[in-house]
Amino acid sequence: MVKEIVLMNINVELTRAKKALEESNIGMARVCARRACGISISFWLVDNPRQGYGASAMNQLRNIQSDDTVLKEVKGAAERLTTHVTNQSDSPFTDDPIADAKIITNYFLNMKS
C-alpha cells in the first residue's frame, strides 16, 4: 500500500472521530480512532510481520500492548483505546481517542520509514 493512501485513509478516520466527538458520540469516536490505528499498524506489518497480530485493529492494539519493542507511550495509548468503557464517568483514563490514535499512527508510520 502506498503511504499517501494510508495517510489519506487515516485522516478520513480521524475526521470521522472528530465529528463523532462534536456530536458527543464517544463510542463512535473510539471506533474511528481504532480504525486509524489499524491502518497504520497494518501498513507497518507489511515489512515487520508479527505472529498473532491479526488483521483487526482491536487485535493489533491488544498485541502491541505486550510487544516489548513498542514504546511505553504507544502501549498506554493502545490500552486506553481498547479498554471497554460502559459509562464514560467510570473510565480510568482521560478519554481523548484522537490524541491516542495520533500517538499510535505517528509511531507506526515513522517506524515504517
PDB file of N, CA and C in Angstrom:
ATOM      1  N   MET A   1       0.851  -1.187   0.000  1.00  0.00           N
ATOM      2  CA  MET A   1       0.000   0.000   0.000  1.00  0.00           C
ATOM      3  C   MET A   1       0.890   1.241   0.000  1.00  0.00           C
ATOM      4  N   VAL A   2       0.503   2.221  -0.736  1.00  0.00           N
ATOM      5  CA  VAL A   2       1.260   3.458  -0.860  1.00  0.00           C
ATOM      6  C   VAL A   2       1.006   4.331   0.371  1.00  0.00           C
ATOM      7  N   LYS A   3       2.077   4.918   0.890  1.00  0.00           N
ATOM      8  CA  LYS A   3       1.977   5.691   2.121  1.00  0.00           C
ATOM      9  C   LYS A   3       0.972   6.838   2.011  1.00  0.00           C
ATOM     10  N   GLU A   4       0.872   7.466   0.847  1.00  0.00           N
ATOM     11  CA  GLU A   4      -0.073   8.576   0.675  1.00  0.00           C
ATOM     12  C   GLU A   4      -1.511   8.102   0.855  1.00  0.00           C
ATOM     13  N   ILE A   5      -1.811   6.912   0.368  1.00  0.00           N
ATOM     14  CA  ILE A   5      -3.157   6.347   0.524  1.00  0.00           C
ATOM     15  C   ILE A   5      -3.406   6.002   1.985  1.00  0.00           C
ATOM     16  N   VAL A   6      -2.398   5.459   2.629  1.00  0.00           N
ATOM     17  CA  VAL A   6      -2.501   5.146   4.055  1.00  0.00           C
ATOM     18  C   VAL A   6      -2.803   6.414   4.845  1.00  0.00           C
ATOM     19  N   LEU A   7      -2.058   7.474   4.585  1.00  0.00           N
ATOM     20  CA  LEU A   7      -2.281   8.749   5.281  1.00  0.00           C
ATOM     21  C   LEU A   7      -3.680   9.292   5.013  1.00  0.00           C
ATOM     22  N   MET A   8      -4.139   9.186   3.790  1.00  0.00           N
ATOM     23  CA  MET A   8      -5.474   9.653   3.444  1.00  0.00           C
ATOM     24  C   MET A   8      -6.529   8.862   4.226  1.00  0.00           C
ATOM     25  N   ASN A   9      -6.388   7.547   4.278  1.00  0.00           N
ATOM     26  CA  ASN A   9      -7.350   6.712   4.999  1.00  0.00           C
ATOM     27  C   ASN A   9      -7.331   6.987   6.506  1.00  0.00           C
ATOM     28  N   ILE A  10      -6.153   7.217   7.049  1.00  0.00           N
ATOM     29  CA  ILE A  10      -6.043   7.573   8.469  1.00  0.00           C
ATOM     30  C   ILE A  10      -6.747   8.900   8.726  1.00  0.00           C
ATOM     31  N   ASN A  11      -6.509   9.872   7.862  1.00  0.00           N
ATOM     32  CA  ASN A  11      -7.151  11.178   8.031  1.00  0.00           C
ATOM     33  C   ASN A  11      -8.665  11.101   7.920  1.00  0.00           C
ATOM     34  N   VAL A  12      -9.171  10.236   7.045  1.00  0.00           N
ATOM     35  CA  VAL A  12     -10.620  10.040   6.940  1.00  0.00           C
ATOM     36  C   VAL A  12     -11.173   9.547   8.276  1.00  0.00           C
ATOM     37  N   GLU A  13     -10.516   8.570   8.864  1.00  0.00           N
ATOM     38  CA  GLU A  13     -10.992   8.020  10.142  1.00  0.00           C
ATOM     39  C   GLU A  13     -10.872   9.041  11.272  1.00  0.00           C
ATOM     40  N   LEU A  14      -9.790   9.807  11.296  1.00  0.00           N
ATOM     41  CA  LEU A  14      -9.638  10.806  12.352  1.00  0.00           C
ATOM     42  C   LEU A  14     -10.646  11.944  12.187  1.00  0.00           C
ATOM     43  N   THR A  15     -10.995  12.267  10.960  1.00  0.00           N
ATOM     44  CA  THR A  15     -12.032  13.271  10.715  1.00  0.00           C
ATOM     45  C   THR A  15     -13.379  12.755  11.187  1.00  0.00           C
ATOM     46  N   ARG A  16     -13.658  11.496  10.938  1.00  0.00           N
ATOM     47  CA  ARG A  16     -14.900  10.874  11.435  1.00  0.00           C
ATOM     48  C   ARG A  16     -14.915  10.875  12.964  1.00  0.00           C
ATOM     49  N   ALA A  17     -13.772  10.597  13.552  1.00  0.00           N
ATOM     50  CA  ALA A  17     -13.686  10.594  15.018  1.00  0.00           C
ATOM     51  C   ALA A  17     -13.968  11.980  15.577  1.00  0.00           C
ATOM     52  N   LYS A  18     -13.401  12.992  14.944  1.00  0.00           N
ATOM     53  CA  LYS A  18     -13.620  14.368  15.399  1.00  0.00           C
ATOM     54  C   LYS A  18     -15.094  14.740  15.298  1.00  0.00           C
ATOM     55  N   LYS A  19     -15.723  14.377  14.201  1.00  0.00           N
ATOM     56  CA  LYS A  19     -17.150  14.670  14.017  1.00  0.00           C
ATOM     57  C   LYS A  19     -17.975  13.956  15.085  1.00  0.00           C
ATOM     58  N   ALA A  20     -17.628  12.716  15.362  1.00  0.00           N
ATOM     59  CA  ALA A  20     -18.348  11.953  16.387  1.00  0.00           C
ATOM     60  C   ALA A  20     -18.207  12.617  17.757  1.00  0.00           C
ATOM     61  N   LEU A  21     -17.008  13.102  18.076  1.00  0.00           N
ATOM     62  CA  LEU A  21     -16.815  13.800  19.354  1.00  0.00           C
ATOM     63  C   LEU A  21     -17.660  15.066  19.413  1.00  0.00           C
ATOM     64  N   GLU A  22     -17.712  15.791  18.309  1.00  0.00           N
ATOM     65  CA  GLU A  22     -18.523  17.012  18.255  1.00  0.00           C
ATOM     66  C   GLU A  22     -19.995  16.702  18.482  1.00  0.00           C
ATOM     67  N   GLU A  23     -20.411  15.495  18.121  1.00  0.00           N
ATOM     68  CA  GLU A  23     -21.791  15.056  18.303  1.00  0.00           C
ATOM     69  C   GLU A  23     -21.983  14.300  19.622  1.00  0.00           C
ATOM     70  N   SER A  24     -20.959  14.356  20.483  1.00  0.00           N
ATOM     71  CA  SER A  24     -20.973  13.673  21.783  1.00  0.00           C
ATOM     72  C   SER A  24     -21.152  12.161  21.656  1.00  0.00           C
ATOM     73  N   ASN A  25     -20.629  11.597  20.593  1.00  0.00           N
ATOM     74  CA  ASN A  25     -20.707  10.162  20.371  1.00  0.00           C
ATOM     75  C   ASN A  25     -19.313   9.562  20.584  1.00  0.00           C
ATOM     76  N   ILE A  26     -18.932   9.441  21.849  1.00  0.00           N
ATOM     77  CA  ILE A  26     -17.588   8.984  22.192  1.00  0.00           C
ATOM     78  C   ILE A  26     -17.331   7.557  21.712  1.00  0.00           C
ATOM     79  N   GLY A  27     -18.369   6.729  21.717  1.00  0.00           N
ATOM     80  CA  GLY A  27     -18.196   5.352  21.250  1.00  0.00           C
ATOM     81  C   GLY A  27     -17.755   5.297  19.798  1.00  0.00           C
ATOM     82  N   MET A  28     -18.418   6.067  18.948  1.00  0.00           N
ATOM     83  CA  MET A  28     -18.045   6.092  17.532  1.00  0.00           C
ATOM     84  C   MET A  28     -16.674   6.740  17.349  1.00  0.00           C
ATOM     85  N   ALA A  29     -16.372   7.745  18.140  1.00  0.00           N
ATOM     86  CA  ALA A  29     -15.057   8.379  18.062  1.00  0.00           C
ATOM     87  C   ALA A  29     -13.960   7.357  18.368  1.00  0.00           C
ATOM     88  N   ARG A  30     -14.182   6.518  19.369  1.00  0.00           N
ATOM     89  CA  ARG A  30     -13.202   5.491  19.725  1.00  0.00           C
ATOM     90  C   ARG A  30     -13.057   4.459  18.612  1.00  0.00           C
ATOM     91  N   VAL A  31     -14.190   4.076  17.997  1.00  0.00           N
ATOM     92  CA  VAL A  31     -14.147   3.117  16.883  1.00  0.00           C
ATOM     93  C   VAL A  31     -13.314   3.679  15.734  1.00  0.00           C
ATOM     94  N   CYS A  32     -13.574   4.913  15.371  1.00  0.00           N
ATOM     95  CA  CYS A  32     -12.839   5.536  14.258  1.00  0.00           C
ATOM     96  C   CYS A  32     -11.354   5.691  14.597  1.00  0.00           C
ATOM     97  N   ALA A  33     -11.063   6.046  15.833  1.00  0.00           N
ATOM     98  CA  ALA A  33      -9.665   6.170  16.259  1.00  0.00           C
ATOM     99  C   ALA A  33      -8.956   4.817  16.168  1.00  0.00           C
ATOM    100  N   ARG A  34      -9.639   3.756  16.591  1.00  0.00           N
ATOM    101  CA  ARG A  34      -9.043   2.421  16.491  1.00  0.00           C
ATOM    102  C   ARG A  34      -8.824   2.024  15.034  1.00  0.00           C
ATOM    103  N   ARG A  35      -9.776   2.368  14.169  1.00  0.00           N
ATOM    104  CA  ARG A  35      -9.603   2.071  12.739  1.00  0.00           C
ATOM    105  C   ARG A  35      -8.370   2.774  12.184  1.00  0.00           C
ATOM    106  N   ALA A  36      -8.178   4.024  12.552  1.00  0.00           N
ATOM    107  CA  ALA A  36      -6.996   4.772  12.094  1.00  0.00           C
ATOM    108  C   ALA A  36      -5.724   4.064  12.540  1.00  0.00           C
ATOM    109  N   CYS A  37      -5.724   3.601  13.769  1.00  0.00           N
ATOM    110  CA  CYS A  37      -4.557   2.874  14.281  1.00  0.00           C
ATOM    111  C   CYS A  37      -4.330   1.592  13.493  1.00  0.00           C
ATOM    112  N   GLY A  38      -5.405   0.874  13.245  1.00  0.00           N
ATOM    113  CA  GLY A  38      -5.297  -0.372  12.496  1.00  0.00           C
ATOM    114  C   GLY A  38      -4.698  -0.167  11.116  1.00  0.00           C
ATOM    115  N   ILE A  39      -5.046   0.934  10.485  1.00  0.00           N
ATOM    116  CA  ILE A  39      -4.494   1.236   9.157  1.00  0.00           C
ATOM    117  C   ILE A  39      -2.981   1.400   9.244  1.00  0.00           C
ATOM    118  N   SER A  40      -2.515   2.150  10.233  1.00  0.00           N
ATOM    119  CA  SER A  40      -1.067   2.375  10.355  1.00  0.00           C
ATOM    120  C   SER A  40      -0.331   1.109  10.786  1.00  0.00           C
ATOM    121  N   ILE A  41      -0.928   0.348  11.681  1.00  0.00           N
ATOM    122  CA  ILE A  41      -0.282  -0.889  12.136  1.00  0.00           C
ATOM    123  C   ILE A  41      -0.206  -1.889  10.985  1.00  0.00           C
ATOM    124  N   SER A  42      -1.292  -2.026  10.229  1.00  0.00           N
ATOM    125  CA  SER A  42      -1.292  -2.945   9.078  1.00  0.00           C
ATOM    126  C   SER A  42      -0.231  -2.550   8.060  1.00  0.00           C
ATOM    127  N   PHE A  43      -0.085  -1.252   7.841  1.00  0.00           N
ATOM    128  CA  PHE A  43       0.938  -0.743   6.921  1.00  0.00           C
ATOM    129  C   PHE A  43       2.328  -1.131   7.414  1.00  0.00           C
ATOM    130  N   TRP A  44       2.570  -0.978   8.707  1.00  0.00           N
ATOM    131  CA  TRP A  44       3.852  -1.333   9.307  1.00  0.00           C
ATOM    132  C   TRP A  44       4.100  -2.840   9.260  1.00  0.00           C
ATOM    133  N   LEU A  45       3.039  -3.628   9.467  1.00  0.00           N
ATOM    134  CA  LEU A  45       3.179  -5.082   9.498  1.00  0.00           C
ATOM    135  C   LEU A  45       3.612  -5.676   8.161  1.00  0.00           C
ATOM    136  N   VAL A  46       3.392  -4.953   7.071  1.00  0.00           N
ATOM    137  CA  VAL A  46       3.817  -5.450   5.754  1.00  0.00           C
ATOM    138  C   VAL A  46       5.314  -5.764   5.765  1.00  0.00           C
ATOM    139  N   ASP A  47       6.102  -4.884   6.359  1.00  0.00           N
ATOM    140  CA  ASP A  47       7.555  -5.081   6.410  1.00  0.00           C
ATOM    141  C   ASP A  47       8.044  -5.627   7.747  1.00  0.00           C
ATOM    142  N   ASN A  48       7.154  -5.702   8.717  1.00  0.00           N
ATOM    143  CA  ASN A  48       7.523  -6.147  10.065  1.00  0.00           C
ATOM    144  C   ASN A  48       6.505  -7.155  10.586  1.00  0.00           C
ATOM    145  N   PRO A  49       6.402  -8.308   9.939  1.00  0.00           N
ATOM    146  CA  PRO A  49       5.368  -9.271  10.342  1.00  0.00           C
ATOM    147  C   PRO A  49       5.535  -9.718  11.791  1.00  0.00           C
ATOM    148  N   ARG A  50       4.426  -9.846  12.453  1.00  0.00           N
ATOM    149  CA  ARG A  50       4.400 -10.309  13.848  1.00  0.00           C
ATOM    150  C   ARG A  50       3.394 -11.440  13.953  1.00  0.00           C
ATOM    151  N   GLN A  51       3.812 -12.526  14.544  1.00  0.00           N
ATOM    152  CA  GLN A  51       2.953 -13.679  14.747  1.00  0.00           C
ATOM    153  C   GLN A  51       1.780 -13.311  15.650  1.00  0.00           C
ATOM    154  N   GLY A  52       0.564 -13.589  15.200  1.00  0.00           N
ATOM    155  CA  GLY A  52      -0.609 -13.421  16.036  1.00  0.00           C
ATOM    156  C   GLY A  52      -1.204 -12.027  16.092  1.00  0.00           C
ATOM    157  N   TYR A  53      -0.605 -11.060  15.399  1.00  0.00           N
ATOM    158  CA  TYR A  53      -1.150  -9.699  15.443  1.00  0.00           C
ATOM    159  C   TYR A  53      -2.541  -9.629  14.829  1.00  0.00           C
ATOM    160  N   GLY A  54      -2.797 -10.468  13.844  1.00  0.00           N
ATOM    161  CA  GLY A  54      -4.103 -10.480  13.210  1.00  0.00           C
ATOM    162  C   GLY A  54      -4.339  -9.272  12.320  1.00  0.00           C
ATOM    163  N   ALA A  55      -5.543  -9.227  11.742  1.00  0.00           N
ATOM    164  CA  ALA A  55      -5.881  -8.168  10.804  1.00  0.00           C
ATOM    165  C   ALA A  55      -6.788  -7.102  11.414  1.00  0.00           C
ATOM    166  N   SER A  56      -7.442  -7.409  12.529  1.00  0.00           N
ATOM    167  CA  SER A  56      -8.361  -6.420  13.095  1.00  0.00           C
ATOM    168  C   SER A  56      -7.603  -5.412  13.953  1.00  0.00           C
ATOM    169  N   ALA A  57      -8.085  -4.194  13.930  1.00  0.00           N
ATOM    170  CA  ALA A  57      -7.453  -3.131  14.715  1.00  0.00           C
ATOM    171  C   ALA A  57      -7.440  -3.483  16.200  1.00  0.00           C
ATOM    172  N   MET A  58      -8.518  -4.061  16.708  1.00  0.00           N
ATOM    173  CA  MET A  58      -8.566  -4.413  18.134  1.00  0.00           C
ATOM    174  C   MET A  58      -7.483  -5.437  18.475  1.00  0.00           C
ATOM    175  N   ASN A  59      -7.329  -6.472  17.656  1.00  0.00           N
ATOM    176  CA  ASN A  59      -6.279  -7.465  17.920  1.00  0.00           C
ATOM    177  C   ASN A  59      -4.899  -6.832  17.853  1.00  0.00           C
ATOM    178  N   GLN A  60      -4.699  -5.983  16.869  1.00  0.00           N
ATOM    179  CA  GLN A  60      -3.409  -5.325  16.733  1.00  0.00           C
ATOM    180  C   GLN A  60      -3.120  -4.440  17.944  1.00  0.00           C
ATOM    181  N   LEU A  61      -4.106  -3.671  18.380  1.00  0.00           N
ATOM    182  CA  LEU A  61      -3.913  -2.793  19.540  1.00  0.00           C
ATOM    183  C   LEU A  61      -3.654  -3.599  20.805  1.00  0.00           C
ATOM    184  N   ARG A  62      -4.333  -4.711  20.955  1.00  0.00           N
ATOM    185  CA  ARG A  62      -4.088  -5.568  22.130  1.00  0.00           C
ATOM    186  C   ARG A  62      -2.687  -6.159  22.084  1.00  0.00           C
ATOM    187  N   ASN A  63      -2.249  -6.555  20.891  1.00  0.00           N
ATOM    188  CA  ASN A  63      -0.933  -7.180  20.765  1.00  0.00           C
ATOM    189  C   ASN A  63       0.211  -6.201  20.966  1.00  0.00           C
ATOM    190  N   ILE A  64       0.061  -4.963  20.552  1.00  0.00           N
ATOM    191  CA  ILE A  64       1.178  -4.035  20.766  1.00  0.00           C
ATOM    192  C   ILE A  64       1.367  -3.735  22.246  1.00  0.00           C
ATOM    193  N   GLN A  65       0.335  -3.950  23.052  1.00  0.00           N
ATOM    194  CA  GLN A  65       0.466  -3.723  24.496  1.00  0.00           C
ATOM    195  C   GLN A  65       1.459  -4.691  25.129  1.00  0.00           C
ATOM    196  N   SER A  66       1.642  -5.860  24.525  1.00  0.00           N
ATOM    197  CA  SER A  66       2.583  -6.842  25.083  1.00  0.00           C
ATOM    198  C   SER A  66       3.848  -6.988  24.242  1.00  0.00           C
ATOM    199  N   ASP A  67       4.010  -6.133  23.245  1.00  0.00           N
ATOM    200  CA  ASP A  67       5.186  -6.184  22.383  1.00  0.00           C
ATOM    201  C   ASP A  67       6.305  -5.360  23.022  1.00  0.00           C
ATOM    202  N   ASP A  68       7.378  -6.030  23.416  1.00  0.00           N
ATOM    203  CA  ASP A  68       8.482  -5.367  24.111  1.00  0.00           C
ATOM    204  C   ASP A  68       9.238  -4.369  23.237  1.00  0.00           C
ATOM    205  N   THR A  69       9.020  -4.408  21.926  1.00  0.00           N
ATOM    206  CA  THR A  69       9.716  -3.477  21.041  1.00  0.00           C
ATOM    207  C   THR A  69       8.977  -2.147  20.892  1.00  0.00           C
ATOM    208  N   VAL A  70       7.760  -2.061  21.435  1.00  0.00           N
ATOM    209  CA  VAL A  70       6.932  -0.860  21.285  1.00  0.00           C
ATOM    210  C   VAL A  70       7.115   0.045  22.501  1.00  0.00           C
ATOM    211  N   LEU A  71       7.196   1.339  22.249  1.00  0.00           N
ATOM    212  CA  LEU A  71       7.368   2.321  23.328  1.00  0.00           C
ATOM    213  C   LEU A  71       6.217   2.300  24.329  1.00  0.00           C
ATOM    214  N   LYS A  72       6.541   2.590  25.573  1.00  0.00           N
ATOM    215  CA  LYS A  72       5.560   2.598  26.654  1.00  0.00           C
ATOM    216  C   LYS A  72       4.403   3.566  26.367  1.00  0.00           C
ATOM    217  N   GLU A  73       4.718   4.727  25.810  1.00  0.00           N
ATOM    218  CA  GLU A  73       3.688   5.726  25.494  1.00  0.00           C
ATOM    219  C   GLU A  73       2.680   5.167  24.481  1.00  0.00           C
ATOM    220  N   VAL A  74       3.161   4.414  23.523  1.00  0.00           N
ATOM    221  CA  VAL A  74       2.308   3.817  22.499  1.00  0.00           C
ATOM    222  C   VAL A  74       1.462   2.714  23.125  1.00  0.00           C
ATOM    223  N   LYS A  75       2.063   1.918  23.983  1.00  0.00           N
ATOM    224  CA  LYS A  75       1.319   0.866  24.677  1.00  0.00           C
ATOM    225  C   LYS A  75       0.193   1.461  25.522  1.00  0.00           C
ATOM    226  N   GLY A  76       0.474   2.570  26.196  1.00  0.00           N
ATOM    227  CA  GLY A  76      -0.544   3.228  27.010  1.00  0.00           C
ATOM    228  C   GLY A  76      -1.704   3.728  26.178  1.00  0.00           C
ATOM    229  N   ALA A  77      -1.401   4.303  25.033  1.00  0.00           N
ATOM    230  CA  ALA A  77      -2.456   4.779  24.126  1.00  0.00           C
ATOM    231  C   ALA A  77      -3.295   3.594  23.647  1.00  0.00           C
ATOM    232  N   ALA A  78      -2.645   2.484  23.333  1.00  0.00           N
ATOM    233  CA  ALA A  78      -3.362   1.285  22.892  1.00  0.00           C
ATOM    234  C   ALA A  78      -4.253   0.756  24.013  1.00  0.00           C
ATOM    235  N   GLU A  79      -3.758   0.778  25.224  1.00  0.00           N
ATOM    236  CA  GLU A  79      -4.559   0.313  26.363  1.00  0.00           C
ATOM    237  C   GLU A  79      -5.805   1.183  26.536  1.00  0.00           C
ATOM    238  N   ARG A  80      -5.632   2.488  26.436  1.00  0.00           N
ATOM    239  CA  ARG A  80      -6.783   3.380  26.587  1.00  0.00           C
ATOM    240  C   ARG A  80      -7.824   3.147  25.494  1.00  0.00           C
ATOM    241  N   LEU A  81      -7.364   2.896  24.272  1.00  0.00           N
ATOM    242  CA  LEU A  81      -8.299   2.687  23.167  1.00  0.00           C
ATOM    243  C   LEU A  81      -9.000   1.338  23.216  1.00  0.00           C
ATOM    244  N   THR A  82      -8.407   0.366  23.893  1.00  0.00           N
ATOM    245  CA  THR A  82      -9.016  -0.968  23.941  1.00  0.00           C
ATOM    246  C   THR A  82      -9.768  -1.241  25.229  1.00  0.00           C
ATOM    247  N   THR A  83      -9.640  -0.374  26.207  1.00  0.00           N
ATOM    248  CA  THR A  83     -10.354  -0.579  27.463  1.00  0.00           C
ATOM    249  C   THR A  83     -11.846  -0.383  27.236  1.00  0.00           C
ATOM    250  N   HIS A  84     -12.623  -1.374  27.645  1.00  0.00           N
ATOM    251  CA  HIS A  84     -14.077  -1.308  27.493  1.00  0.00           C
ATOM    252  C   HIS A  84     -14.634  -0.295  28.490  1.00  0.00           C
ATOM    253  N   VAL A  85     -15.370   0.658  27.970  1.00  0.00           N
ATOM    254  CA  VAL A  85     -15.949   1.707  28.808  1.00  0.00           C
ATOM    255  C   VAL A  85     -17.457   1.672  28.615  1.00  0.00           C
ATOM    256  N   THR A  86     -18.183   1.291  29.679  1.00  0.00           N
ATOM    257  CA  THR A  86     -19.642   1.263  29.580  1.00  0.00           C
ATOM    258  C   THR A  86     -20.243   2.591  29.994  1.00  0.00           C
ATOM    259  N   ASN A  87     -19.553   3.294  30.857  1.00  0.00           N
ATOM    260  CA  ASN A  87     -20.024   4.593  31.315  1.00  0.00           C
ATOM    261  C   ASN A  87     -18.813   5.519  31.338  1.00  0.00           C
ATOM    262  N   GLN A  88     -18.881   6.596  30.575  1.00  0.00           N
ATOM    263  CA  GLN A  88     -17.737   7.492  30.440  1.00  0.00           C
ATOM    264  C   GLN A  88     -17.202   7.948  31.796  1.00  0.00           C
ATOM    265  N   SER A  89     -18.064   8.171  32.760  1.00  0.00           N
ATOM    266  CA  SER A  89     -17.600   8.635  34.070  1.00  0.00           C
ATOM    267  C   SER A  89     -16.849   7.545  34.824  1.00  0.00           C
ATOM    268  N   ASP A  90     -17.000   6.280  34.390  1.00  0.00           N
ATOM    269  CA  ASP A  90     -16.283   5.169  35.022  1.00  0.00           C
ATOM    270  C   ASP A  90     -14.900   4.940  34.424  1.00  0.00           C
ATOM    271  N   SER A  91     -14.582   5.655  33.361  1.00  0.00           N
ATOM    272  CA  SER A  91     -13.321   5.439  32.666  1.00  0.00           C
ATOM    273  C   SER A  91     -12.134   5.776  33.562  1.00  0.00           C
ATOM    274  N   PRO A  92     -11.119   4.868  33.592  1.00  0.00           N
ATOM    275  CA  PRO A  92      -9.932   5.151  34.397  1.00  0.00           C
ATOM    276  C   PRO A  92      -8.977   6.133  33.708  1.00  0.00           C
ATOM    277  N   PHE A  93      -9.314   6.576  32.505  1.00  0.00           N
ATOM    278  CA  PHE A  93      -8.438   7.427  31.713  1.00  0.00           C
ATOM    279  C   PHE A  93      -9.152   8.698  31.288  1.00  0.00           C
ATOM    280  N   THR A  94      -8.359   9.719  31.006  1.00  0.00           N
ATOM    281  CA  THR A  94      -8.878  10.864  30.279  1.00  0.00           C
ATOM    282  C   THR A  94      -9.088  10.372  28.863  1.00  0.00           C
ATOM    283  N   ASP A  95     -10.292  10.526  28.351  1.00  0.00           N
ATOM    284  CA  ASP A  95     -10.599   9.925  27.057  1.00  0.00           C
ATOM    285  C   ASP A  95     -10.435  10.927  25.929  1.00  0.00           C
ATOM    286  N   ASP A  96      -9.327  10.822  25.221  1.00  0.00           N
ATOM    287  CA  ASP A  96      -9.094  11.603  24.023  1.00  0.00           C
ATOM    288  C   ASP A  96      -8.628  10.619  22.953  1.00  0.00           C
ATOM    289  N   PRO A  97      -9.582   9.921  22.350  1.00  0.00           N
ATOM    290  CA  PRO A  97      -9.199   8.872  21.411  1.00  0.00           C
ATOM    291  C   PRO A  97      -8.423   9.388  20.211  1.00  0.00           C
ATOM    292  N   ILE A  98      -8.661  10.622  19.815  1.00  0.00           N
ATOM    293  CA  ILE A  98      -7.925  11.168  18.670  1.00  0.00           C
ATOM    294  C   ILE A  98      -6.453  11.356  19.029  1.00  0.00           C
ATOM    295  N   ALA A  99      -6.188  11.881  20.203  1.00  0.00           N
ATOM    296  CA  ALA A  99      -4.795  12.044  20.640  1.00  0.00           C
ATOM    297  C   ALA A  99      -4.097  10.694  20.747  1.00  0.00           C
ATOM    298  N   ASP A 100      -4.798   9.706  21.299  1.00  0.00           N
ATOM    299  CA  ASP A 100      -4.214   8.367  21.400  1.00  0.00           C
ATOM    300  C   ASP A 100      -3.949   7.784  20.016  1.00  0.00           C
ATOM    301  N   ALA A 101      -4.885   7.973  19.096  1.00  0.00           N
ATOM    302  CA  ALA A 101      -4.698   7.460  17.737  1.00  0.00           C
ATOM    303  C   ALA A 101      -3.502   8.128  17.071  1.00  0.00           C
ATOM    304  N   LYS A 102      -3.327   9.410  17.309  1.00  0.00           N
ATOM    305  CA  LYS A 102      -2.186  10.112  16.698  1.00  0.00           C
ATOM    306  C   LYS A 102      -0.859   9.601  17.250  1.00  0.00           C
ATOM    307  N   ILE A 103      -0.819   9.289  18.539  1.00  0.00           N
ATOM    308  CA  ILE A 103       0.395   8.713  19.130  1.00  0.00           C
ATOM    309  C   ILE A 103       0.750   7.412  18.407  1.00  0.00           C
ATOM    310  N   ILE A 104      -0.255   6.573  18.242  1.00  0.00           N
ATOM    311  CA  ILE A 104      -0.032   5.256  17.641  1.00  0.00           C
ATOM    312  C   ILE A 104       0.260   5.362  16.150  1.00  0.00           C
ATOM    313  N   THR A 105      -0.547   6.131  15.432  1.00  0.00           N
ATOM    314  CA  THR A 105      -0.332   6.222  13.983  1.00  0.00           C
ATOM    315  C   THR A 105       1.005   6.852  13.653  1.00  0.00           C
ATOM    316  N   ASN A 106       1.370   7.909  14.374  1.00  0.00           N
ATOM    317  CA  ASN A 106       2.677   8.542  14.118  1.00  0.00           C
ATOM    318  C   ASN A 106       3.826   7.585  14.388  1.00  0.00           C
ATOM    319  N   TYR A 107       3.707   6.826  15.468  1.00  0.00           N
ATOM    320  CA  TYR A 107       4.752   5.864  15.812  1.00  0.00           C
ATOM    321  C   TYR A 107       4.943   4.837  14.689  1.00  0.00           C
ATOM    322  N   PHE A 108       3.852   4.204  14.263  1.00  0.00           N
ATOM    323  CA  PHE A 108       3.983   3.145  13.264  1.00  0.00           C
ATOM    324  C   PHE A 108       4.314   3.684  11.881  1.00  0.00           C
ATOM    325  N   LEU A 109       3.841   4.860  11.550  1.00  0.00           N
ATOM    326  CA  LEU A 109       4.216   5.446  10.256  1.00  0.00           C
ATOM    327  C   LEU A 109       5.697   5.816  10.244  1.00  0.00           C
ATOM    328  N   ASN A 110       6.199   6.317  11.365  1.00  0.00           N
ATOM    329  CA  ASN A 110       7.626   6.674  11.450  1.00  0.00           C
ATOM    330  C   ASN A 110       8.507   5.421  11.488  1.00  0.00           C
ATOM    331  N   MET A 111       8.009   4.353  12.078  1.00  0.00           N
ATOM    332  CA  MET A 111       8.758   3.088  12.112  1.00  0.00           C
ATOM    333  C   MET A 111       8.872   2.483  10.718  1.00  0.00           C
ATOM    334  N   LYS A 112       7.910   2.786   9.874  1.00  0.00           N
ATOM    335  CA  LYS A 112       7.871   2.250   8.511  1.00  0.00           C
ATOM    336  C   LYS A 112       8.880   2.940   7.610  1.00  0.00           C
ATOM    337  N   SER A 113       9.195   4.181   7.904  1.00  0.00           N
ATOM    338  CA  SER A 113      10.062   4.977   7.017  1.00  0.00           C
ATOM    339  C   SER A 113      11.426   4.366   6.806  1.00  0.00           C
TER     340      SER A 113
END
